[in-house]
Every structure is written in structure tokens, then in C-alpha cells.
Amino acid sequence: APRRRAAGLISKPWETITETGHLKSREVSGPPGVLASLAEGLKGHRGWELNRTGDRLLLSEELLGVLLPAELQTETVYHAAALRERVSYRNLFKEVRLAGGRKIAVERWPLAVEGEPEVGGRQTEREEIGAGLLPYY
């Protein structure tokens, strides 16, 4: 329940919340001109966004029924969210003020892209360990 509550506080219009409380979205990548014309056709709908560079279209599950050209690649992306007492500054966050006036942070971080393994609910970023630290790991 806490994960679903956190996900509801930080979700984007194109993301759905899974039964396990993760945020799920679909990303379509392709030539900017093709994606711009698709975005033009979605103007009357909610639950989508074209990124700044125009090479990724973020869609909700409901809008996947739109006919997509074959040259476009589609990925499913998962994020996790959690409530924190303080901001860790390691992930994207949003501060929420509670009824008593106290503030908490809601953080989100990437879990996996469809086809990439999920690593125990942790971020899929790979951290380089310096040569001097290797004996400790």
C-alpha cells in the first residue's frame, strides 16, 4: 500500500500504476518527423507527451491502441516510488506537505526497461568501482 500511495503522488499522466505499486509507461522512439505527426493526431487525448528532442513519445497503455508505423520501436519502462522523511538527492523527487504542516519527499527511480533484467527493485544504473576499492567488494 505505501508503494502505491507514493506512486499515485508522483505519477505522470502517461503512467499507470501496476498492482505491485510500480509506475509503468510505454515509450515509442523513432524519427522526430514521424513522432511529431503521431503527436499531432493525439492532440485531443490525455496521457501522452513528446520529449524535448522529439525522438521519444511517452504513451499511456490506453493510447497504445493507436496504429503505430512499423519503423517505430516500443519499450515498456518501469519506475519505483517511495515516501521518505527527507530528500536523498539521489533520485527525482517531489515534496509533499502533510496536514500537520510537515513535509515529506516522494522519490522515483528507474527499475527496468522491458528486456533488461530488474535487479531486486534497485536502479539499473551500473556503478564503476575504482581499483582501490575492489578488495572491499
N, C-alpha and C. Protein backbone atom coordinates (compact mmCIF):
# COMPACT_ATOMS: atom_id res chain seq x y z
N ALA A 1 0.81 -1.20 0.00
CA ALA A 1 0.00 0.00 0.00
C ALA A 1 0.85 1.27 0.00
N PRO A 2 1.95 1.35 0.77
CA PRO A 2 2.75 2.58 0.74
C PRO A 2 3.36 2.86 -0.64
N ARG A 3 3.76 1.79 -1.35
CA ARG A 3 4.35 1.99 -2.67
C ARG A 3 3.32 2.53 -3.64
N ARG A 4 2.09 2.01 -3.57
CA ARG A 4 1.02 2.51 -4.45
C ARG A 4 0.66 3.95 -4.12
N ARG A 5 0.66 4.28 -2.84
CA ARG A 5 0.35 5.65 -2.42
C ARG A 5 1.43 6.61 -2.94
N ALA A 6 2.69 6.22 -2.81
CA ALA A 6 3.79 7.05 -3.30
C ALA A 6 3.71 7.20 -4.82
N ALA A 7 3.42 6.11 -5.51
CA ALA A 7 3.32 6.15 -6.97
C ALA A 7 2.20 7.10 -7.40
N GLY A 8 1.09 7.10 -6.68
CA GLY A 8 -0.01 7.99 -7.00
C GLY A 8 0.33 9.46 -6.84
N LEU A 9 1.25 9.75 -5.93
CA LEU A 9 1.65 11.14 -5.68
C LEU A 9 2.63 11.68 -6.71
N ILE A 10 3.38 10.80 -7.38
CA ILE A 10 4.45 11.27 -8.27
C ILE A 10 4.28 10.78 -9.71
N SER A 11 3.17 10.14 -10.02
CA SER A 11 2.98 9.61 -11.37
C SER A 11 2.72 10.72 -12.38
N LYS A 12 3.08 10.45 -13.61
CA LYS A 12 2.85 11.35 -14.74
C LYS A 12 1.56 10.93 -15.44
N PRO A 13 0.95 11.81 -16.22
CA PRO A 13 -0.33 11.46 -16.87
C PRO A 13 -0.26 10.24 -17.78
N TRP A 14 0.89 9.92 -18.33
CA TRP A 14 1.01 8.77 -19.24
C TRP A 14 1.39 7.48 -18.52
N GLU A 15 1.58 7.51 -17.21
CA GLU A 15 1.98 6.32 -16.46
C GLU A 15 0.78 5.67 -15.79
N THR A 16 0.82 4.34 -15.73
CA THR A 16 -0.19 3.61 -14.97
C THR A 16 0.50 2.98 -13.76
N ILE A 17 -0.26 2.74 -12.72
CA ILE A 17 0.27 2.13 -11.51
C ILE A 17 -0.08 0.64 -11.54
N THR A 18 0.93 -0.21 -11.46
CA THR A 18 0.71 -1.66 -11.51
C THR A 18 0.16 -2.14 -10.17
N GLU A 19 -0.25 -3.41 -10.13
CA GLU A 19 -0.76 -4.00 -8.89
C GLU A 19 0.29 -3.97 -7.78
N THR A 20 1.55 -4.06 -8.15
CA THR A 20 2.63 -4.05 -7.15
C THR A 20 3.07 -2.64 -6.77
N GLY A 21 2.46 -1.62 -7.35
CA GLY A 21 2.77 -0.25 -6.99
C GLY A 21 3.88 0.39 -7.80
N HIS A 22 4.28 -0.23 -8.90
CA HIS A 22 5.30 0.36 -9.77
C HIS A 22 4.63 1.22 -10.83
N LEU A 23 5.37 2.19 -11.33
CA LEU A 23 4.88 3.04 -12.40
C LEU A 23 5.28 2.41 -13.74
N LYS A 24 4.34 2.31 -14.65
CA LYS A 24 4.58 1.66 -15.94
C LYS A 24 4.21 2.63 -17.05
N SER A 25 5.11 2.77 -18.01
CA SER A 25 4.80 3.62 -19.17
C SER A 25 5.35 2.97 -20.42
N ARG A 26 4.88 3.45 -21.55
CA ARG A 26 5.34 2.96 -22.85
C ARG A 26 6.05 4.11 -23.55
N GLU A 27 7.21 3.81 -24.11
CA GLU A 27 7.98 4.79 -24.86
C GLU A 27 8.10 4.33 -26.30
N VAL A 28 7.79 5.22 -27.22
CA VAL A 28 7.90 4.94 -28.64
C VAL A 28 9.02 5.82 -29.15
N SER A 29 10.00 5.22 -29.81
CA SER A 29 11.10 6.01 -30.36
C SER A 29 11.12 5.86 -31.87
N GLY A 30 11.59 6.92 -32.54
CA GLY A 30 11.65 6.91 -33.99
C GLY A 30 12.05 8.27 -34.51
N PRO A 31 11.96 8.46 -35.82
CA PRO A 31 12.32 9.75 -36.42
C PRO A 31 11.41 10.86 -35.89
N PRO A 32 12.00 12.02 -35.55
CA PRO A 32 11.20 13.13 -34.99
C PRO A 32 10.01 13.54 -35.85
N GLY A 33 10.16 13.51 -37.16
CA GLY A 33 9.04 13.90 -38.04
C GLY A 33 7.85 12.96 -37.91
N VAL A 34 8.12 11.67 -37.83
CA VAL A 34 7.06 10.67 -37.70
C VAL A 34 6.38 10.81 -36.35
N LEU A 35 7.17 10.98 -35.29
CA LEU A 35 6.60 11.13 -33.95
C LEU A 35 5.81 12.43 -33.81
N ALA A 36 6.27 13.48 -34.47
CA ALA A 36 5.54 14.76 -34.43
C ALA A 36 4.17 14.62 -35.06
N SER A 37 4.08 13.88 -36.17
CA SER A 37 2.77 13.68 -36.81
C SER A 37 1.86 12.80 -35.95
N LEU A 38 2.46 11.80 -35.27
CA LEU A 38 1.66 10.98 -34.34
C LEU A 38 1.15 11.84 -33.19
N ALA A 39 2.01 12.70 -32.66
CA ALA A 39 1.62 13.58 -31.56
C ALA A 39 0.51 14.53 -31.99
N GLU A 40 0.57 14.98 -33.24
CA GLU A 40 -0.48 15.86 -33.76
C GLU A 40 -1.83 15.15 -33.74
N GLY A 41 -1.83 13.85 -34.06
CA GLY A 41 -3.07 13.06 -34.04
C GLY A 41 -3.58 12.77 -32.63
N LEU A 42 -2.71 12.92 -31.63
CA LEU A 42 -3.11 12.65 -30.24
C LEU A 42 -3.54 13.91 -29.49
N LYS A 43 -3.58 15.06 -30.17
CA LYS A 43 -3.87 16.34 -29.51
C LYS A 43 -5.14 16.32 -28.65
N GLY A 44 -6.16 15.60 -29.04
CA GLY A 44 -7.41 15.57 -28.29
C GLY A 44 -7.41 14.58 -27.12
N HIS A 45 -6.35 13.80 -26.96
CA HIS A 45 -6.29 12.77 -25.94
C HIS A 45 -5.40 13.19 -24.78
N ARG A 46 -5.64 12.56 -23.64
CA ARG A 46 -4.77 12.77 -22.47
C ARG A 46 -3.87 11.54 -22.32
N GLY A 47 -2.76 11.70 -21.60
CA GLY A 47 -1.91 10.56 -21.32
C GLY A 47 -0.76 10.36 -22.29
N TRP A 48 -0.18 11.44 -22.79
CA TRP A 48 0.97 11.32 -23.68
C TRP A 48 1.81 12.58 -23.58
N GLU A 49 3.07 12.45 -24.00
CA GLU A 49 3.97 13.61 -24.08
C GLU A 49 5.09 13.30 -25.05
N LEU A 50 5.43 14.27 -25.87
CA LEU A 50 6.57 14.18 -26.78
C LEU A 50 7.75 14.86 -26.09
N ASN A 51 8.90 14.18 -26.00
CA ASN A 51 10.03 14.78 -25.28
C ASN A 51 10.59 15.98 -26.05
N ARG A 52 11.50 16.71 -25.41
CA ARG A 52 12.01 17.96 -25.98
C ARG A 52 12.71 17.77 -27.33
N THR A 53 13.45 16.69 -27.47
CA THR A 53 14.17 16.47 -28.73
C THR A 53 13.29 15.89 -29.82
N GLY A 54 12.10 15.44 -29.46
CA GLY A 54 11.15 14.93 -30.45
C GLY A 54 11.40 13.51 -30.92
N ASP A 55 12.33 12.78 -30.27
CA ASP A 55 12.61 11.42 -30.72
C ASP A 55 12.01 10.34 -29.82
N ARG A 56 11.26 10.73 -28.78
CA ARG A 56 10.58 9.79 -27.89
C ARG A 56 9.18 10.29 -27.58
N LEU A 57 8.22 9.40 -27.77
CA LEU A 57 6.83 9.70 -27.45
C LEU A 57 6.44 8.81 -26.27
N LEU A 58 6.02 9.43 -25.17
CA LEU A 58 5.63 8.70 -23.96
C LEU A 58 4.12 8.53 -23.99
N LEU A 59 3.66 7.28 -23.86
CA LEU A 59 2.23 6.97 -24.02
C LEU A 59 1.69 6.19 -22.83
N SER A 60 0.41 6.40 -22.53
CA SER A 60 -0.26 5.55 -21.56
C SER A 60 -0.68 4.25 -22.25
N GLU A 61 -1.00 3.25 -21.45
CA GLU A 61 -1.42 1.96 -22.00
C GLU A 61 -2.68 2.11 -22.87
N GLU A 62 -3.56 3.01 -22.48
CA GLU A 62 -4.82 3.20 -23.23
C GLU A 62 -4.58 3.69 -24.65
N LEU A 63 -3.52 4.48 -24.84
CA LEU A 63 -3.25 5.05 -26.16
C LEU A 63 -2.44 4.12 -27.06
N LEU A 64 -2.06 2.96 -26.56
CA LEU A 64 -1.30 2.03 -27.39
C LEU A 64 -2.14 1.46 -28.52
N GLY A 65 -3.45 1.60 -28.42
CA GLY A 65 -4.33 1.12 -29.48
C GLY A 65 -4.20 1.94 -30.75
N VAL A 66 -3.51 3.08 -30.68
CA VAL A 66 -3.29 3.92 -31.86
C VAL A 66 -2.37 3.16 -32.81
N LEU A 67 -2.68 3.19 -34.07
CA LEU A 67 -1.88 2.47 -35.06
C LEU A 67 -0.49 3.10 -35.15
N LEU A 68 0.55 2.31 -34.88
CA LEU A 68 1.92 2.80 -34.92
C LEU A 68 2.62 2.25 -36.16
N PRO A 69 3.36 3.11 -36.87
CA PRO A 69 4.11 2.63 -38.03
C PRO A 69 5.15 1.59 -37.62
N ALA A 70 5.48 0.69 -38.52
CA ALA A 70 6.39 -0.43 -38.22
C ALA A 70 7.81 0.02 -37.87
N GLU A 71 8.25 1.18 -38.38
CA GLU A 71 9.63 1.59 -38.13
C GLU A 71 9.85 2.14 -36.72
N LEU A 72 8.81 2.22 -35.93
CA LEU A 72 8.94 2.75 -34.57
C LEU A 72 9.17 1.62 -33.58
N GLN A 73 10.04 1.87 -32.63
CA GLN A 73 10.36 0.89 -31.59
C GLN A 73 9.60 1.26 -30.32
N THR A 74 8.99 0.27 -29.66
CA THR A 74 8.23 0.50 -28.44
C THR A 74 8.89 -0.23 -27.28
N GLU A 75 9.02 0.45 -26.14
CA GLU A 75 9.59 -0.13 -24.93
C GLU A 75 8.63 0.09 -23.77
N THR A 76 8.64 -0.86 -22.83
CA THR A 76 7.90 -0.69 -21.59
C THR A 76 8.92 -0.31 -20.52
N VAL A 77 8.65 0.77 -19.80
CA VAL A 77 9.57 1.28 -18.79
C VAL A 77 8.89 1.25 -17.43
N TYR A 78 9.61 0.78 -16.42
CA TYR A 78 9.09 0.71 -15.06
C TYR A 78 9.90 1.61 -14.14
N HIS A 79 9.20 2.28 -13.22
CA HIS A 79 9.82 3.10 -12.19
C HIS A 79 9.25 2.67 -10.84
N ALA A 80 10.00 2.90 -9.78
CA ALA A 80 9.51 2.66 -8.42
C ALA A 80 9.38 4.01 -7.74
N ALA A 81 8.55 4.07 -6.71
CA ALA A 81 8.38 5.29 -5.94
C ALA A 81 8.32 4.94 -4.46
N ALA A 82 8.78 5.85 -3.64
CA ALA A 82 8.78 5.62 -2.19
C ALA A 82 8.63 6.94 -1.45
N LEU A 83 8.00 6.86 -0.28
CA LEU A 83 7.89 8.01 0.62
C LEU A 83 9.14 8.06 1.49
N ARG A 84 9.69 9.24 1.68
CA ARG A 84 10.89 9.42 2.50
C ARG A 84 10.68 10.59 3.46
N GLU A 85 11.35 10.52 4.62
CA GLU A 85 11.29 11.65 5.55
C GLU A 85 12.03 12.85 4.99
N ARG A 86 13.14 12.58 4.31
CA ARG A 86 13.96 13.63 3.73
C ARG A 86 14.34 13.25 2.30
N VAL A 87 14.68 14.25 1.54
CA VAL A 87 15.13 14.03 0.17
C VAL A 87 16.53 13.46 0.20
N SER A 88 16.77 12.41 -0.59
CA SER A 88 18.11 11.82 -0.64
C SER A 88 18.98 12.50 -1.70
N TYR A 89 18.37 13.22 -2.61
CA TYR A 89 19.05 13.87 -3.74
C TYR A 89 19.72 12.87 -4.67
N ARG A 90 19.34 11.61 -4.58
CA ARG A 90 19.88 10.59 -5.49
C ARG A 90 18.89 10.30 -6.62
N ASN A 91 17.64 10.66 -6.44
CA ASN A 91 16.59 10.36 -7.41
C ASN A 91 15.74 11.60 -7.64
N LEU A 92 14.89 11.52 -8.67
CA LEU A 92 13.91 12.59 -8.88
C LEU A 92 12.95 12.59 -7.70
N PHE A 93 12.51 13.75 -7.26
CA PHE A 93 11.66 13.81 -6.09
C PHE A 93 10.63 14.93 -6.19
N LYS A 94 9.66 14.85 -5.31
CA LYS A 94 8.63 15.87 -5.17
C LYS A 94 8.36 15.99 -3.68
N GLU A 95 8.29 17.21 -3.17
CA GLU A 95 7.98 17.39 -1.76
C GLU A 95 6.47 17.56 -1.58
N VAL A 96 5.94 16.92 -0.54
CA VAL A 96 4.50 16.97 -0.26
C VAL A 96 4.32 17.45 1.17
N ARG A 97 3.45 18.43 1.35
CA ARG A 97 3.17 18.95 2.69
C ARG A 97 1.98 18.20 3.27
N LEU A 98 2.17 17.65 4.47
CA LEU A 98 1.12 16.91 5.15
C LEU A 98 0.17 17.87 5.86
N ALA A 99 -0.96 17.35 6.35
CA ALA A 99 -1.97 18.18 7.00
C ALA A 99 -1.40 18.93 8.21
N GLY A 100 -0.50 18.34 8.95
CA GLY A 100 0.08 18.98 10.12
C GLY A 100 1.14 20.03 9.80
N GLY A 101 1.46 20.21 8.52
CA GLY A 101 2.45 21.19 8.11
C GLY A 101 3.81 20.60 7.82
N ARG A 102 4.04 19.36 8.24
CA ARG A 102 5.33 18.71 7.99
C ARG A 102 5.46 18.33 6.52
N LYS A 103 6.68 18.35 5.99
CA LYS A 103 6.92 17.97 4.60
C LYS A 103 7.60 16.61 4.54
N ILE A 104 7.20 15.82 3.54
CA ILE A 104 7.88 14.56 3.24
C ILE A 104 8.27 14.59 1.77
N ALA A 105 9.12 13.68 1.38
CA ALA A 105 9.55 13.60 -0.02
C ALA A 105 9.02 12.31 -0.63
N VAL A 106 8.64 12.41 -1.88
CA VAL A 106 8.28 11.24 -2.68
C VAL A 106 9.33 11.15 -3.76
N GLU A 107 10.06 10.04 -3.79
CA GLU A 107 11.13 9.86 -4.78
C GLU A 107 10.74 8.78 -5.78
N ARG A 108 11.30 8.92 -6.99
CA ARG A 108 11.09 7.93 -8.04
C ARG A 108 12.42 7.60 -8.68
N TRP A 109 12.58 6.33 -9.10
CA TRP A 109 13.81 5.91 -9.76
C TRP A 109 13.48 4.80 -10.75
N PRO A 110 14.29 4.69 -11.80
CA PRO A 110 14.03 3.67 -12.83
C PRO A 110 14.32 2.27 -12.30
N LEU A 111 13.47 1.33 -12.68
CA LEU A 111 13.69 -0.08 -12.34
C LEU A 111 14.24 -0.83 -13.51
N ALA A 112 13.50 -0.87 -14.60
CA ALA A 112 13.94 -1.66 -15.75
C ALA A 112 13.19 -1.23 -17.00
N VAL A 113 13.80 -1.53 -18.11
CA VAL A 113 13.16 -1.39 -19.41
C VAL A 113 12.87 -2.81 -19.86
N GLU A 114 11.73 -3.02 -20.50
CA GLU A 114 11.38 -4.37 -20.95
C GLU A 114 12.53 -4.95 -21.74
N GLY A 115 12.99 -6.12 -21.33
CA GLY A 115 14.14 -6.74 -21.97
C GLY A 115 15.39 -6.62 -21.12
N GLU A 116 15.42 -5.64 -20.19
CA GLU A 116 16.53 -5.51 -19.25
C GLU A 116 16.13 -6.21 -17.97
N PRO A 117 17.03 -6.90 -17.31
CA PRO A 117 16.65 -7.55 -16.07
C PRO A 117 16.44 -6.54 -14.94
N GLU A 118 15.45 -6.80 -14.11
CA GLU A 118 15.24 -5.97 -12.92
C GLU A 118 16.15 -6.51 -11.84
N VAL A 119 16.87 -5.65 -11.20
CA VAL A 119 17.84 -6.07 -10.21
C VAL A 119 17.26 -5.83 -8.83
N GLY A 120 16.47 -6.77 -8.34
CA GLY A 120 15.94 -6.72 -6.99
C GLY A 120 15.28 -5.42 -6.61
N GLY A 121 14.61 -4.74 -7.54
CA GLY A 121 13.94 -3.50 -7.22
C GLY A 121 14.89 -2.32 -7.10
N ARG A 122 16.14 -2.48 -7.51
CA ARG A 122 17.10 -1.38 -7.44
C ARG A 122 17.26 -0.75 -8.80
N GLN A 123 17.93 0.39 -8.81
CA GLN A 123 18.18 1.06 -10.07
C GLN A 123 19.04 0.18 -10.97
N THR A 124 18.84 0.32 -12.27
CA THR A 124 19.61 -0.48 -13.20
C THR A 124 20.89 0.22 -13.62
N GLU A 125 21.22 1.36 -13.00
CA GLU A 125 22.47 2.04 -13.32
C GLU A 125 23.63 1.18 -12.87
N ARG A 126 24.69 1.21 -13.64
CA ARG A 126 25.89 0.46 -13.28
C ARG A 126 26.91 1.42 -12.71
N GLU A 127 27.41 1.11 -11.55
CA GLU A 127 28.37 1.98 -10.88
C GLU A 127 29.76 1.40 -11.06
N GLU A 128 30.68 2.25 -11.47
CA GLU A 128 32.07 1.82 -11.62
C GLU A 128 32.75 1.84 -10.26
N ILE A 129 33.43 0.79 -9.91
CA ILE A 129 34.16 0.71 -8.64
C ILE A 129 35.62 0.94 -8.95
N GLY A 130 36.21 1.94 -8.28
CA GLY A 130 37.61 2.27 -8.50
C GLY A 130 38.51 1.12 -8.09
N ALA A 131 39.71 1.05 -8.69
CA ALA A 131 40.63 -0.04 -8.41
C ALA A 131 41.00 -0.14 -6.93
N GLY A 132 41.07 1.00 -6.25
CA GLY A 132 41.44 0.99 -4.82
C GLY A 132 40.37 0.40 -3.93
N LEU A 133 39.12 0.34 -4.41
CA LEU A 133 38.02 -0.19 -3.60
C LEU A 133 37.69 -1.64 -3.90
N LEU A 134 38.24 -2.21 -4.95
CA LEU A 134 37.89 -3.57 -5.34
C LEU A 134 38.08 -4.61 -4.24
N PRO A 135 39.14 -4.57 -3.41
CA PRO A 135 39.26 -5.59 -2.37
C PRO A 135 38.10 -5.59 -1.37
N TYR A 136 37.38 -4.50 -1.26
CA TYR A 136 36.27 -4.41 -0.31
C TYR A 136 34.96 -4.95 -0.85
N TYR A 137 34.91 -5.22 -2.15
CA TYR A 137 33.65 -5.68 -2.74
C TYR A 137 33.74 -7.08 -3.20
